[in-house]
Each structure stands twice: as C-alpha cells, then as structure tokens.
C-alpha cells in the first residue's frame, strides 16, 4: 500500500493538531491500482500506481476552506492546513453547508470487502485473464479490447467533533469490447464484471459472452424507430440506475426541487424496489462515506413508491434526518450520492425473459446517457454492443443501434418480468449496482444512430 494504516492514523492526527479553528476534518484517500490493458488482440499496457492524498476541510465561523496535498511529510501537512484556513478566511459565510458530522455510536467492519487475493493479484494473473478473453474473440474473428484491473482503496476520516473511521476494500474489474472493424455499423459485443474478489471473475465466460454477442451482431440492419417492448440486460439496467442516482436520489437535488423523487408517491410499478446499502457484502461494499459516517441502508423506491433520498451531514441537517452516510469529498457541488445500488430481482429465469415477447428489442447496454429533463427523469442515450429484434420469443436478427429518449420511472411502471438472477456491475463513473435483467412493456426509440464502437 501507499501508506500503512498506522501511517494514515498519524496523518490524520497531525492534520487535526495543526488546525487552529474549532471545526476541522481530515480525509486520507489511498489507492494501490494495477491495470492491464489490451487492444486489437494484444496486451499493450501494464501499469501500477500508488497514490495517497490528504484533504483538509476547515470550518471557521460558517466559512469553509478545503485544500489537498500528496506531500505527506510534516511540512506538507502544515502547508495544506494553512491553505485550507486561508481559503476559509476569504470565503463568504455559508452556514447551510458549514456542517461536520458528529459521532453517532454506530460501528462498521473496517475490512468489509477486503480480499487479500485481490490485493496481491499479479500481472501474470491479469495477463492470463486478458489472453483468455482475446482467444475467445479471435475464435470468432473479432478484435478484442479492454482492461483488467485490481486495486486496494483506503478511506480514513477524522474530525474535531470526534468522528474517526477507516475502511479498506479491494476491487477487481474485467471489461472487454469485441469488434470486427471500426466502420459505421461494425459488429460488436461487450462483457463486464466486477467483484471484491478477483477469483470471482471468470475471464473465459466473459470472453465467450462478448464474442458470441459480437458474432451474432454481424449483418445488422435497420429497424424503424418507435415504442417497443424491450429486454434490458443487466448492463443496460445498471446504466439507467447510475443516472437516476446522479439526477434524483440525492438529498440536495430533492431539496432544490430538481429531483423526480416525489416522496410518498408511486413512481414505478409495484414490482420495483431500489435501495442503497454500502454494508451489503453481496455488492461492492463501502461501509463509510467520505465524511466518516457509517452508511445506512436507504430504501429509495419501495414497491414502486418513492420513500427516501440519501443525505450527507449538511443536507441531513437541513432535512432533519441526519446523514445517511452518503457524503462525497468536499468541495462537493453534487451533494450526497447513492453509490451502492440494488434492484430487487424477480422470479423469471433470465433465459425465459424472451418467451413473453412477440415483437420487441433486446438491449445489451446503453452509452452516452444524458439527462433531458431531470425532474421527470427523462434520459437520452444510445444502445450499444448488442441490439436485436425479438420476434415470437426469440432473437430474430441484429439491428443497428437506436437513440432513445425515455422517462425511466414511466418505463419502470410496466416491468412485465425481472430476472431471478442479479449481477454486480461497476458503474461507468462511480459506485456499483447489483441488478437483474428486465422485460419492460414499452421503451421509446427515437432514431437510428451510426455510432462507432469502442470501449
């Protein structure tokens, strides 16, 4: 690791000792990341990165200053505290945000989600995994690109009000895109998996999955845009949940009136439940937030009804709920964030989701997702790496990618079936989600796109 756990404790203590204000917070983020990349069926990069950052947040008479450094000697610690204090002196008062959490007496496992085998994974292990994936692509005449990473992340927080918390976790992720070229309409397949335990990843299965999809995508033709029944693979579902979290599950978004989460109102079908739980070991756990608060399970959507949003110390104070343990590092304009999402599975075996669809569209994943109307949770984006026409309960032919524009709560109001199995998928930008595949009664595709493939 970049710094031993004892060294991290010392950094926190020294930062608090140098502060001259009554309220101060010290946050240490340390990461040991190893990454193997491959492209056009060759491994082309293997890197290892060690990094540690000390961030100090000073609160002085409702004025806030934040500074960070990766110079972790005594001079660096003193300098970062002085810079944070100087920023606070020159800042406008912001009493609504000038809140640090206090200890709440709850405990957590500081090693939840830490797997020594992942922390000690060798370059040879990642290279073997990449080679297996590449072989699967070559067998189908496809070019494989992607990455295989293993990492250790440590979060440690202390503040002058008595909060002191620490957590370390591991993460392994393997992703591949396979293509038969780079021209518009080129066939492509995709597979992605993540876990705290590198041994859980199955490079052979992922390689075969991506290769099979890419091979079946050859000869894709157009389909007229419109509203179709859809089967969304877990990749597509996880992408939509990540953006629902970004635009609406935050206490700040709800407070500012820009969230679709109308609490107490039914927004989705009765068979839809979505929650956030950073202490569930079946996901990719992170039991404390970046303010040192132990994360609580938050039932966001329960049986289709909006029940709660997530909070950090500041939004929780204003809402009267207290923090739910979802704070991000300061300075933070996004507010709190749900990073450990779950969607309840259904009772339909994944392989049987197709049976009830007379004519529809199978979507492997979405990309270039963007909000159109956050208040209504209308998103737009494109299908990618495996889009097929469904006829009479089977995949009849590959089709070119669509652009969609869709209210997600509206689409989730007609979930006709959910897969009985779930997959853990790292987010594109943050966090992770454990979700099932879904059969939706309607999804609005607004046009055909000629987007090029890629990772």
Protein backbone atom coordinates (compact mmCIF):
# COMPACT_ATOMS: atom_id res chain seq x y z
CA UNK A 1 0.00 0.00 0.00
CA UNK A 2 0.96 3.65 -0.40
CA UNK A 3 0.87 4.19 3.32
CA UNK A 4 0.47 1.78 6.23
CA UNK A 5 -2.65 2.04 8.34
CA UNK A 6 -0.58 3.34 11.26
CA UNK A 7 0.90 6.00 8.97
CA UNK A 8 -2.58 7.04 7.88
CA UNK A 9 -3.67 7.47 11.50
CA UNK A 10 -0.64 9.65 12.10
CA UNK A 11 -1.51 11.83 9.09
CA UNK A 12 -4.99 12.41 10.45
CA UNK A 13 -3.72 13.23 13.93
CA UNK A 14 -1.09 15.68 12.65
CA UNK A 15 -3.58 17.46 10.39
CA UNK A 16 -6.04 17.99 13.24
CA UNK A 17 -3.22 19.13 15.54
CA UNK A 18 -2.10 21.85 13.10
CA UNK A 19 -5.58 23.34 12.76
CA UNK A 20 -6.40 26.48 14.74
CA UNK A 21 -10.17 26.51 14.18
CA UNK A 22 -12.71 24.67 16.31
CA UNK A 23 -14.03 22.56 13.44
CA UNK A 24 -11.75 20.72 11.06
CA UNK A 25 -11.88 17.49 9.09
CA UNK A 26 -9.01 15.42 7.68
CA UNK A 27 -9.58 12.85 4.93
CA UNK A 28 -6.97 10.42 3.60
CA UNK A 29 -7.62 8.62 0.31
CA UNK A 30 -5.03 5.99 -0.58
CA UNK A 31 -5.08 3.72 -3.61
CA UNK A 32 -2.92 0.96 -5.00
CA UNK A 33 -4.08 0.33 -8.58
CA UNK A 34 -2.78 -2.24 -11.04
CA UNK A 35 -4.09 -2.21 -14.62
CA UNK A 36 -3.55 -4.38 -17.68
CA UNK A 37 -4.93 -3.04 -20.97
CA UNK A 38 -5.35 -4.83 -24.28
CA UNK A 39 -6.37 -3.67 -27.75
CA UNK A 40 -6.58 -5.28 -31.20
CA UNK A 41 -5.92 -8.66 -29.56
CA UNK A 42 -2.70 -7.60 -27.87
CA UNK A 43 -1.76 -6.60 -24.36
CA UNK A 44 -0.22 -3.17 -24.76
CA UNK A 45 -0.01 -1.74 -21.25
CA UNK A 46 0.64 -2.90 -17.71
CA UNK A 47 0.88 -0.23 -15.05
CA UNK A 48 0.85 0.01 -11.27
CA UNK A 49 0.07 3.23 -9.46
CA UNK A 50 0.43 4.11 -5.80
CA UNK A 51 -1.14 7.31 -4.57
CA UNK A 52 -2.27 8.92 -1.33
CA UNK A 53 -3.88 12.30 -0.75
CA UNK A 54 -4.58 14.23 2.40
CA UNK A 55 -7.53 16.62 2.20
CA UNK A 56 -8.35 19.11 4.92
CA UNK A 57 -11.69 20.88 5.37
CA UNK A 58 -11.70 23.84 7.75
CA UNK A 59 -14.92 25.41 9.06
CA UNK A 60 -14.38 28.81 10.64
CA UNK A 61 -17.46 30.81 11.68
CA UNK A 62 -19.54 29.31 8.86
CA UNK A 63 -16.77 29.89 6.32
CA UNK A 64 -15.40 26.82 4.61
CA UNK A 65 -11.96 26.14 3.17
CA UNK A 66 -10.75 22.96 1.50
CA UNK A 67 -7.25 22.06 0.34
CA UNK A 68 -5.46 18.84 -0.52
CA UNK A 69 -1.92 17.56 -0.97
CA UNK A 70 0.05 14.44 -1.77
CA UNK A 71 3.08 15.79 0.11
CA UNK A 72 2.66 13.84 3.29
CA UNK A 73 5.65 14.96 5.34
CA UNK A 74 5.29 17.38 8.24
CA UNK A 75 5.83 20.43 6.04
CA UNK A 76 3.20 19.24 3.57
CA UNK A 77 0.67 18.61 6.33
CA UNK A 78 1.25 22.05 7.85
CA UNK A 79 1.01 23.71 4.44
CA UNK A 80 -2.30 22.07 3.48
CA UNK A 81 -3.90 23.07 6.78
CA UNK A 82 -2.69 26.64 6.33
CA UNK A 83 -4.03 26.78 2.77
CA UNK A 84 -7.44 25.46 3.83
CA UNK A 85 -7.56 28.03 6.64
CA UNK A 86 -6.61 30.87 4.28
CA UNK A 87 -9.36 29.83 1.85
CA UNK A 88 -11.88 29.81 4.69
CA UNK A 89 -10.87 33.33 5.74
CA UNK A 90 -11.57 34.65 2.24
CA UNK A 91 -14.80 32.71 1.65
CA UNK A 92 -18.32 34.03 2.05
CA UNK A 93 -20.23 32.61 5.02
CA UNK A 94 -22.27 29.53 4.11
CA UNK A 95 -23.97 28.31 7.29
CA UNK A 96 -26.17 25.84 5.40
CA UNK A 97 -23.12 23.91 4.21
CA UNK A 98 -20.78 24.52 7.16
CA UNK A 99 -21.69 21.26 8.89
CA UNK A 100 -19.44 18.46 10.08
CA UNK A 101 -20.93 15.17 11.31
CA UNK A 102 -20.77 14.09 14.92
CA UNK A 103 -20.22 10.51 16.12
CA UNK A 104 -23.48 8.53 16.14
CA UNK A 105 -22.23 5.45 18.00
CA UNK A 106 -22.66 3.04 15.09
CA UNK A 107 -19.81 0.69 14.18
CA UNK A 108 -18.61 -0.92 10.96
CA UNK A 109 -16.21 -3.57 9.73
CA UNK A 110 -13.07 -1.72 8.58
CA UNK A 111 -12.11 -4.62 6.29
CA UNK A 112 -15.52 -5.40 4.78
CA UNK A 113 -14.87 -6.16 1.13
CA UNK A 114 -11.10 -6.54 1.53
CA UNK A 115 -9.80 -9.72 -0.12
CA UNK A 116 -6.05 -10.41 0.16
CA UNK A 117 -6.03 -12.38 -3.09
CA UNK A 118 -7.19 -9.29 -4.98
CA UNK A 119 -4.71 -7.03 -3.22
CA UNK A 120 -1.89 -9.41 -4.12
CA UNK A 121 -3.00 -10.20 -7.69
CA UNK A 122 -0.03 -10.44 -10.03
CA UNK A 123 0.48 -9.01 -13.53
CA UNK A 124 0.64 -12.62 -14.74
CA UNK A 125 -2.85 -13.30 -13.39
CA UNK A 126 -4.28 -10.31 -15.23
CA UNK A 127 -2.33 -11.19 -18.40
CA UNK A 128 -3.70 -14.73 -18.36
CA UNK A 129 -7.23 -13.38 -17.98
CA UNK A 130 -6.72 -10.95 -20.85
CA UNK A 131 -5.30 -13.73 -23.02
CA UNK A 132 -8.34 -15.93 -22.43
CA UNK A 133 -10.64 -13.08 -23.46
CA UNK A 134 -8.56 -12.35 -26.56
CA UNK A 135 -8.62 -16.03 -27.57
CA UNK A 136 -12.42 -16.04 -27.40
CA UNK A 137 -12.57 -13.05 -29.73
CA UNK A 138 -10.05 -14.46 -32.17
CA UNK A 139 -12.05 -17.67 -32.42
CA UNK A 140 -14.92 -15.62 -33.83
CA UNK A 141 -12.73 -13.39 -36.00
CA UNK A 142 -13.18 -10.39 -33.68
CA UNK A 143 -10.69 -7.90 -32.28
CA UNK A 144 -10.81 -7.66 -28.50
CA UNK A 145 -10.02 -4.56 -26.49
CA UNK A 146 -10.48 -3.87 -22.81
CA UNK A 147 -8.88 -3.84 -19.39
CA UNK A 148 -8.33 -5.99 -16.32
CA UNK A 149 -7.69 -4.08 -13.09
CA UNK A 150 -7.16 -4.88 -9.42
CA UNK A 151 -6.98 -2.27 -6.68
CA UNK A 152 -6.96 -1.53 -2.98
CA UNK A 153 -8.73 1.60 -1.75
CA UNK A 154 -8.42 3.05 1.74
CA UNK A 155 -10.61 5.81 3.16
CA UNK A 156 -9.76 7.28 6.57
CA UNK A 157 -11.51 10.25 8.17
CA UNK A 158 -11.16 12.14 11.44
CA UNK A 159 -12.70 15.39 12.58
CA UNK A 160 -12.54 17.67 15.60
CA UNK A 161 -16.01 16.62 16.76
CA UNK A 162 -14.82 13.08 17.46
CA UNK A 163 -15.54 11.22 14.23
CA UNK A 164 -12.84 8.70 13.41
CA UNK A 165 -13.41 5.98 10.84
CA UNK A 166 -11.39 3.90 8.43
CA UNK A 167 -12.10 1.35 5.74
CA UNK A 168 -10.14 -0.52 3.11
CA UNK A 169 -11.55 -2.58 0.27
CA UNK A 170 -10.43 -4.35 -2.86
CA UNK A 171 -11.87 -4.30 -6.35
CA UNK A 172 -11.28 -6.39 -9.45
CA UNK A 173 -12.85 -5.47 -12.78
CA UNK A 174 -12.63 -7.04 -16.23
CA UNK A 175 -14.15 -5.34 -19.29
CA UNK A 176 -13.99 -6.15 -22.96
CA UNK A 177 -15.43 -4.87 -26.24
CA UNK A 178 -15.03 -7.07 -29.32
CA UNK A 179 -15.44 -5.75 -32.87
CA UNK A 180 -14.99 -6.81 -36.47
CA UNK A 181 -13.93 -3.33 -37.56
CA UNK A 182 -14.41 0.35 -36.84
CA UNK A 183 -16.71 1.44 -39.66
CA UNK A 184 -20.26 2.58 -39.03
CA UNK A 185 -22.41 -0.43 -38.25
CA UNK A 186 -19.48 -2.70 -37.35
CA UNK A 187 -20.47 -5.74 -35.28
CA UNK A 188 -19.56 -5.51 -31.61
CA UNK A 189 -20.02 -7.41 -28.37
CA UNK A 190 -19.50 -6.50 -24.74
CA UNK A 191 -18.92 -8.06 -21.33
CA UNK A 192 -18.05 -6.56 -17.94
CA UNK A 193 -17.81 -7.86 -14.40
CA UNK A 194 -16.57 -6.63 -11.05
CA UNK A 195 -16.04 -8.06 -7.59
CA UNK A 196 -14.10 -7.52 -4.40
CA UNK A 197 -12.57 -10.97 -5.04
CA UNK A 198 -10.60 -11.40 -8.25
CA UNK A 199 -11.28 -15.13 -8.04
CA UNK A 200 -14.98 -14.42 -8.70
CA UNK A 201 -14.21 -13.15 -12.19
CA UNK A 202 -14.45 -15.69 -14.99
CA UNK A 203 -12.43 -14.42 -17.99
CA UNK A 204 -13.44 -17.40 -20.12
CA UNK A 205 -17.17 -16.83 -19.57
CA UNK A 206 -16.84 -13.09 -20.17
CA UNK A 207 -14.82 -13.63 -23.32
CA UNK A 208 -17.34 -16.12 -24.69
CA UNK A 209 -20.23 -13.78 -23.83
CA UNK A 210 -18.72 -10.83 -25.69
CA UNK A 211 -17.59 -12.98 -28.62
CA UNK A 212 -21.00 -14.60 -29.03
CA UNK A 213 -22.78 -11.23 -28.99
CA UNK A 214 -20.30 -9.72 -31.44
CA UNK A 215 -20.60 -12.65 -33.80
CA UNK A 216 -24.41 -12.52 -33.76
CA UNK A 217 -24.32 -8.75 -34.48
CA UNK A 218 -22.83 -9.28 -37.93
CA UNK A 219 -25.04 -8.04 -40.73
CA UNK A 220 -27.12 -5.70 -38.57
CA UNK A 221 -29.87 -3.89 -40.41
CA UNK A 222 -32.18 -1.00 -39.65
CA UNK A 223 -35.42 -1.20 -37.71
CA UNK A 224 -37.92 1.64 -37.74
CA UNK A 225 -37.77 3.75 -34.57
CA UNK A 226 -40.77 3.74 -32.24
CA UNK A 227 -42.04 2.30 -28.98
CA UNK A 228 -41.17 -1.34 -28.42
CA UNK A 229 -41.29 -3.91 -25.70
CA UNK A 230 -37.70 -4.41 -24.55
CA UNK A 231 -35.49 -6.83 -22.73
CA UNK A 232 -32.76 -4.87 -20.97
CA UNK A 233 -29.69 -6.83 -19.98
CA UNK A 234 -28.18 -6.10 -16.59
CA UNK A 235 -25.63 -3.74 -18.19
CA UNK A 236 -28.44 -1.55 -19.53
CA UNK A 237 -30.35 -1.58 -16.23
CA UNK A 238 -27.25 -0.65 -14.22
CA UNK A 239 -26.52 2.26 -16.56
CA UNK A 240 -30.02 3.66 -16.06
CA UNK A 241 -29.80 3.31 -12.26
CA UNK A 242 -26.48 5.14 -12.19
CA UNK A 243 -28.08 8.13 -13.89
CA UNK A 244 -31.18 8.00 -11.68
CA UNK A 245 -28.80 8.27 -8.75
CA UNK A 246 -26.97 11.16 -10.37
CA UNK A 247 -30.08 13.23 -11.09
CA UNK A 248 -32.52 12.29 -8.37
CA UNK A 249 -31.55 10.11 -5.40
CA UNK A 250 -29.54 12.95 -3.80
CA UNK A 251 -30.90 14.90 -0.84
CA UNK A 252 -29.53 18.08 -2.41
CA UNK A 253 -31.40 17.50 -5.68
CA UNK A 254 -34.58 16.85 -3.70
CA UNK A 255 -34.08 19.94 -1.54
CA UNK A 256 -33.55 22.13 -4.61
CA UNK A 257 -36.67 20.81 -6.32
CA UNK A 258 -34.87 19.28 -9.30
CA UNK A 259 -35.34 15.61 -8.35
CA UNK A 260 -38.01 13.29 -9.75
CA UNK A 261 -38.28 11.72 -6.26
CA UNK A 262 -41.72 12.89 -5.09
CA UNK A 263 -41.60 11.18 -1.70
CA UNK A 264 -44.66 9.17 -0.81
CA UNK A 265 -45.87 8.99 -4.42
CA UNK A 266 -45.96 5.90 -6.60
CA UNK A 267 -43.45 6.44 -9.42
CA UNK A 268 -42.88 2.91 -10.72
CA UNK A 269 -44.55 -0.47 -10.81
CA UNK A 270 -45.37 -2.33 -7.59
CA UNK A 271 -42.77 -4.93 -8.53
CA UNK A 272 -39.89 -2.38 -8.49
CA UNK A 273 -37.77 -1.84 -5.38
CA UNK A 274 -34.44 0.02 -5.43
CA UNK A 275 -32.22 0.63 -2.44
CA UNK A 276 -28.71 1.66 -1.49
CA UNK A 277 -26.67 -0.38 1.01
CA UNK A 278 -22.94 0.14 1.41
CA UNK A 279 -22.70 -2.64 4.02
CA UNK A 280 -24.14 -5.46 1.93
CA UNK A 281 -21.27 -7.85 1.14
CA UNK A 282 -23.11 -9.17 -1.91
CA UNK A 283 -22.34 -5.87 -3.68
CA UNK A 284 -19.08 -3.96 -3.64
CA UNK A 285 -19.31 -2.62 -0.08
CA UNK A 286 -18.10 0.73 1.20
CA UNK A 287 -19.43 0.97 4.77
CA UNK A 288 -18.35 4.56 5.49
CA UNK A 289 -18.71 7.72 3.45
CA UNK A 290 -16.13 10.43 2.79
CA UNK A 291 -17.17 12.26 5.98
CA UNK A 292 -16.55 9.19 8.14
CA UNK A 293 -20.24 8.41 8.67
CA UNK A 294 -21.32 4.77 8.67
CA UNK A 295 -23.61 4.18 5.70
CA UNK A 296 -27.21 3.24 6.35
CA UNK A 297 -29.42 1.19 4.07
CA UNK A 298 -31.78 3.60 2.33
CA UNK A 299 -34.88 2.23 0.63
CA UNK A 300 -35.21 4.67 -2.25
CA UNK A 301 -38.08 3.06 -4.19
CA UNK A 302 -40.15 0.52 -2.26
CA UNK A 303 -42.83 -1.40 -4.17
CA UNK A 304 -42.82 1.42 -6.71
CA UNK A 305 -43.23 4.23 -4.15
CA UNK A 306 -40.55 6.91 -3.62
CA UNK A 307 -39.63 6.54 0.05
CA UNK A 308 -36.36 8.36 0.72
CA UNK A 309 -33.29 10.09 -0.66
CA UNK A 310 -29.71 9.89 0.62
CA UNK A 311 -28.06 12.57 2.75
CA UNK A 312 -24.67 13.86 3.80
CA UNK A 313 -24.14 15.83 7.01
CA UNK A 314 -25.23 19.17 5.53
CA UNK A 315 -28.37 18.05 3.67
CA UNK A 316 -29.31 15.70 6.51
CA UNK A 317 -29.08 18.57 8.97
CA UNK A 318 -31.35 20.74 6.85
CA UNK A 319 -33.81 17.90 6.23
CA UNK A 320 -33.90 16.90 9.90
CA UNK A 321 -32.94 13.30 9.13
CA UNK A 322 -29.22 13.43 9.84
CA UNK A 323 -26.66 11.96 7.49
CA UNK A 324 -27.41 8.58 5.94
CA UNK A 325 -23.68 8.13 5.23
CA UNK A 326 -23.60 9.27 1.62
CA UNK A 327 -21.25 12.26 1.69
CA UNK A 328 -18.71 12.84 -1.07
CA UNK A 329 -15.34 14.57 -0.59
CA UNK A 330 -15.55 18.35 -0.19
CA UNK A 331 -15.84 20.66 -2.03
CA UNK A 332 -18.87 18.98 -3.50
CA UNK A 333 -21.48 20.58 -5.76
CA UNK A 334 -23.32 17.31 -6.43
CA UNK A 335 -24.46 16.71 -2.88
CA UNK A 336 -24.74 13.21 -1.41
CA UNK A 337 -24.66 10.23 -3.74
CA UNK A 338 -26.06 6.70 -3.68
CA UNK A 339 -23.05 4.57 -4.64
CA UNK A 340 -24.13 1.04 -3.68
CA UNK A 341 -27.35 0.42 -5.57
CA UNK A 342 -29.51 -2.69 -5.61
CA UNK A 343 -32.64 -3.59 -7.55
CA UNK A 344 -34.86 -6.42 -6.39
CA UNK A 345 -34.85 -9.48 -8.65
CA UNK A 346 -37.99 -11.14 -9.93
CA UNK A 347 -38.93 -14.79 -10.31
CA UNK A 348 -38.28 -15.33 -14.02
CA UNK A 349 -35.14 -17.25 -15.03
CA UNK A 350 -33.08 -14.95 -17.22
CA UNK A 351 -33.23 -17.31 -20.20
CA UNK A 352 -37.04 -17.21 -20.10
CA UNK A 353 -37.47 -13.43 -20.27
CA UNK A 354 -37.78 -13.64 -24.06
CA UNK A 355 -40.72 -16.01 -24.04
CA UNK A 356 -43.38 -13.41 -23.44
CA UNK A 357 -42.22 -11.01 -26.17
CA UNK A 358 -44.00 -11.29 -29.53
CA UNK A 359 -42.12 -8.34 -31.09
CA UNK A 360 -39.60 -6.18 -29.31
CA UNK A 361 -35.97 -5.14 -28.90
CA UNK A 362 -33.15 -6.73 -26.90
CA UNK A 363 -30.67 -4.18 -25.49
CA UNK A 364 -27.29 -5.26 -24.16
CA UNK A 365 -26.26 -1.85 -22.83
CA UNK A 366 -26.61 1.90 -23.22
CA UNK A 367 -23.94 4.56 -23.65
CA UNK A 368 -23.72 8.34 -23.93
CA UNK A 369 -26.60 8.58 -21.47
CA UNK A 370 -27.55 12.15 -20.58
CA UNK A 371 -30.41 13.82 -18.69
CA UNK A 372 -33.03 15.60 -20.79
CA UNK A 373 -35.49 16.53 -18.01
CA UNK A 374 -34.19 15.61 -14.53
CA UNK A 375 -37.49 16.48 -12.83
CA UNK A 376 -39.26 13.87 -14.96
CA UNK A 377 -36.20 11.59 -15.08
CA UNK A 378 -36.19 11.68 -18.87
CA UNK A 379 -32.89 10.33 -20.19
CA UNK A 380 -31.46 10.02 -23.66
CA UNK A 381 -28.67 7.84 -24.98
CA UNK A 382 -27.86 5.07 -27.41
CA UNK A 383 -27.92 1.31 -27.49
CA UNK A 384 -24.57 -0.37 -27.98
CA UNK A 385 -22.74 -3.68 -28.42
CA UNK A 386 -25.68 -5.98 -28.96
CA UNK A 387 -29.12 -4.80 -30.12
CA UNK A 388 -31.51 -7.38 -31.58
CA UNK A 389 -35.04 -7.63 -32.88
CA UNK A 390 -37.18 -10.05 -30.88
CA UNK A 391 -39.88 -11.95 -32.74
CA UNK A 392 -42.09 -14.66 -31.25
CA UNK A 393 -39.94 -15.08 -28.18
CA UNK A 394 -36.54 -15.36 -29.88
CA UNK A 395 -33.77 -13.12 -31.21
CA UNK A 396 -34.52 -12.97 -34.92
CA UNK A 397 -31.86 -10.60 -36.27
CA UNK A 398 -29.29 -7.95 -35.26
CA UNK A 399 -30.28 -4.31 -35.71
CA UNK A 400 -28.38 -1.04 -35.88
CA UNK A 401 -28.18 1.00 -32.71
CA UNK A 402 -31.03 3.20 -31.63
CA UNK A 403 -31.14 6.53 -29.84
CA UNK A 404 -33.68 6.58 -27.03
CA UNK A 405 -35.49 9.35 -25.16
CA UNK A 406 -37.45 7.96 -22.25
CA UNK A 407 -38.83 8.76 -18.81
CA UNK A 408 -37.29 5.97 -16.73
CA UNK A 409 -39.96 5.97 -13.99
CA UNK A 410 -42.55 5.64 -16.76
CA UNK A 411 -40.68 2.71 -18.30
CA UNK A 412 -40.25 1.08 -14.88
CA UNK A 413 -44.01 1.43 -14.32
CA UNK A 414 -44.53 -1.51 -16.68
CA UNK A 415 -41.98 -4.12 -15.64
CA UNK A 416 -43.53 -7.30 -17.00
CA UNK A 417 -40.81 -9.55 -15.63
CA UNK A 418 -37.49 -9.28 -13.81
CA UNK A 419 -34.77 -11.86 -13.91
CA UNK A 420 -34.38 -14.11 -10.89
CA UNK A 421 -30.60 -13.66 -11.04
CA UNK A 422 -28.62 -10.46 -10.49
CA UNK A 423 -25.16 -9.28 -11.49
CA UNK A 424 -22.75 -6.89 -9.75
CA UNK A 425 -21.53 -4.25 -12.18
CA UNK A 426 -19.10 -1.39 -11.51
CA UNK A 427 -20.55 1.98 -12.52
CA UNK A 428 -19.31 3.86 -15.56
CA UNK A 429 -18.40 6.85 -13.39
CA UNK A 430 -18.92 5.83 -9.75
CA UNK A 431 -20.06 3.09 -7.39
CA UNK A 432 -21.59 -0.22 -8.35
CA UNK A 433 -25.01 -1.82 -8.77
CA UNK A 434 -26.44 -5.32 -8.35
CA UNK A 435 -29.38 -5.65 -10.74
CA UNK A 436 -31.48 -8.14 -12.71
CA UNK A 437 -32.33 -8.08 -16.39
CA UNK A 438 -35.78 -6.61 -17.09
CA UNK A 439 -38.68 -7.09 -19.50
CA UNK A 440 -40.37 -3.69 -19.96
CA UNK A 441 -43.69 -3.17 -21.69
CA UNK A 442 -42.58 -0.07 -23.60
CA UNK A 443 -39.42 1.89 -24.38
CA UNK A 444 -39.21 4.83 -26.77
CA UNK A 445 -36.57 4.70 -29.50
CA UNK A 446 -36.43 7.97 -31.40
CA UNK A 447 -33.92 7.29 -34.18
CA UNK A 448 -31.27 5.06 -35.64
CA UNK A 449 -27.68 6.03 -34.88
CA UNK A 450 -24.47 5.20 -36.71
CA UNK A 451 -22.32 5.44 -33.57
CA UNK A 452 -18.93 3.83 -33.81
CA UNK A 453 -17.93 1.15 -31.34
CA UNK A 454 -15.31 1.32 -28.66
CA UNK A 455 -14.73 0.80 -25.00
